[in-house]
Amino acid sequence: MQTNQTDNTNNIKLAFSIAEAVQATAIGRSTIYKHIREGRLHTTHIGGRTVILAEHLDAWLDSFSHVQVA
């Protein structure tokens, strides 16, 4: 059986647009932009697009698990 290396059979997203990140996380667009501005969420520019690599989105979300609620 021949495999196609470009076929992503697991449908794992490697990068998200801002709109996709909003939809995937259910976190508001303005909150995501605020964290980008503050350097808490890292973006990458590819061509004219701004994307958030999945590993950066995961790390950012994980950072909230350490937040104590008063």
C-alpha atoms as a PDB file:
ATOM      1  CA  MET A   1       0.000   0.000   0.000  1.00  0.00           C
ATOM      2  CA  GLN A   2       1.401   3.354  -1.007  1.00  0.00           C
ATOM      3  CA  THR A   3       0.983   6.269   1.407  1.00  0.00           C
ATOM      4  CA  ASN A   4       0.574   9.863   0.426  1.00  0.00           C
ATOM      5  CA  GLN A   5       2.847  11.998   2.612  1.00  0.00           C
ATOM      6  CA  THR A   6       0.743  15.107   2.054  1.00  0.00           C
ATOM      7  CA  ASP A   7      -2.434  13.326   3.184  1.00  0.00           C
ATOM      8  CA  ASN A   8      -3.270  14.345   6.738  1.00  0.00           C
ATOM      9  CA  THR A   9      -5.482  11.364   7.580  1.00  0.00           C
ATOM     10  CA  ASN A  10      -5.719  12.313  11.248  1.00  0.00           C
ATOM     11  CA  ASN A  11      -7.049  15.780  10.329  1.00  0.00           C
ATOM     12  CA  ILE A  12      -4.719  17.389  12.841  1.00  0.00           C
ATOM     13  CA  LYS A  13      -4.529  21.153  12.359  1.00  0.00           C
ATOM     14  CA  LEU A  14      -0.994  22.478  12.521  1.00  0.00           C
ATOM     15  CA  ALA A  15      -1.940  26.164  12.396  1.00  0.00           C
ATOM     16  CA  PHE A  16      -5.020  28.282  12.986  1.00  0.00           C
ATOM     17  CA  SER A  17      -6.120  31.627  11.632  1.00  0.00           C
ATOM     18  CA  ILE A  18      -7.345  34.049  14.285  1.00  0.00           C
ATOM     19  CA  ALA A  19     -10.955  33.229  13.368  1.00  0.00           C
ATOM     20  CA  GLU A  20     -10.255  29.486  13.585  1.00  0.00           C
ATOM     21  CA  ALA A  21      -8.593  29.932  16.980  1.00  0.00           C
ATOM     22  CA  VAL A  22     -11.664  31.814  18.216  1.00  0.00           C
ATOM     23  CA  GLN A  23     -13.924  29.025  17.008  1.00  0.00           C
ATOM     24  CA  ALA A  24     -11.697  26.218  18.326  1.00  0.00           C
ATOM     25  CA  THR A  25     -11.281  27.713  21.801  1.00  0.00           C
ATOM     26  CA  ALA A  26     -14.583  29.559  22.316  1.00  0.00           C
ATOM     27  CA  ILE A  27     -12.466  32.498  23.535  1.00  0.00           C
ATOM     28  CA  GLY A  28     -13.350  35.919  22.193  1.00  0.00           C
ATOM     29  CA  ARG A  29     -11.495  37.542  19.332  1.00  0.00           C
ATOM     30  CA  SER A  30     -10.615  40.628  21.378  1.00  0.00           C
ATOM     31  CA  THR A  31      -9.192  38.452  24.172  1.00  0.00           C
ATOM     32  CA  ILE A  32      -7.031  36.544  21.704  1.00  0.00           C
ATOM     33  CA  TYR A  33      -5.771  39.800  20.149  1.00  0.00           C
ATOM     34  CA  LYS A  34      -5.070  41.207  23.633  1.00  0.00           C
ATOM     35  CA  HIS A  35      -2.911  38.200  24.518  1.00  0.00           C
ATOM     36  CA  ILE A  36      -1.106  38.449  21.167  1.00  0.00           C
ATOM     37  CA  ARG A  37      -0.377  42.153  21.835  1.00  0.00           C
ATOM     38  CA  GLU A  38       0.862  41.353  25.346  1.00  0.00           C
ATOM     39  CA  GLY A  39       3.173  38.629  24.009  1.00  0.00           C
ATOM     40  CA  ARG A  40       1.360  35.793  25.769  1.00  0.00           C
ATOM     41  CA  LEU A  41       0.154  34.144  22.551  1.00  0.00           C
ATOM     42  CA  HIS A  42       2.653  33.838  19.717  1.00  0.00           C
ATOM     43  CA  THR A  43       1.768  34.196  16.052  1.00  0.00           C
ATOM     44  CA  THR A  44       3.574  33.434  12.827  1.00  0.00           C
ATOM     45  CA  HIS A  45       3.263  35.327   9.559  1.00  0.00           C
ATOM     46  CA  ILE A  46       3.103  33.240   6.405  1.00  0.00           C
ATOM     47  CA  GLY A  47       2.763  35.336   3.304  1.00  0.00           C
ATOM     48  CA  GLY A  48       0.116  37.888   4.169  1.00  0.00           C
ATOM     49  CA  ARG A  49      -1.571  35.682   6.766  1.00  0.00           C
ATOM     50  CA  THR A  50      -1.192  35.663  10.505  1.00  0.00           C
ATOM     51  CA  VAL A  51      -1.511  32.185  11.963  1.00  0.00           C
ATOM     52  CA  ILE A  52      -1.188  30.643  15.398  1.00  0.00           C
ATOM     53  CA  LEU A  53       0.738  27.389  15.393  1.00  0.00           C
ATOM     54  CA  ALA A  54      -1.149  24.615  17.177  1.00  0.00           C
ATOM     55  CA  GLU A  55       1.713  24.128  19.636  1.00  0.00           C
ATOM     56  CA  HIS A  56       1.571  27.818  20.611  1.00  0.00           C
ATOM     57  CA  LEU A  57      -2.209  27.707  20.999  1.00  0.00           C
ATOM     58  CA  ASP A  58      -1.923  24.579  23.173  1.00  0.00           C
ATOM     59  CA  ALA A  59       0.788  26.146  25.347  1.00  0.00           C
ATOM     60  CA  TRP A  60      -1.267  29.325  25.757  1.00  0.00           C
ATOM     61  CA  LEU A  61      -4.341  27.353  26.797  1.00  0.00           C
ATOM     62  CA  ASP A  62      -2.254  25.249  29.183  1.00  0.00           C
ATOM     63  CA  SER A  63      -1.025  28.432  30.860  1.00  0.00           C
ATOM     64  CA  PHE A  64      -4.559  29.011  32.168  1.00  0.00           C
ATOM     65  CA  SER A  65      -4.549  25.744  34.111  1.00  0.00           C
ATOM     66  CA  HIS A  66      -2.095  27.331  36.561  1.00  0.00           C
ATOM     67  CA  VAL A  67      -4.279  30.367  37.253  1.00  0.00           C
ATOM     68  CA  GLN A  68      -5.779  30.448  40.756  1.00  0.00           C
ATOM     69  CA  VAL A  69      -9.349  31.710  41.046  1.00  0.00           C
ATOM     70  CA  ALA A  70      -9.946  33.920  44.083  1.00  0.00           C
END
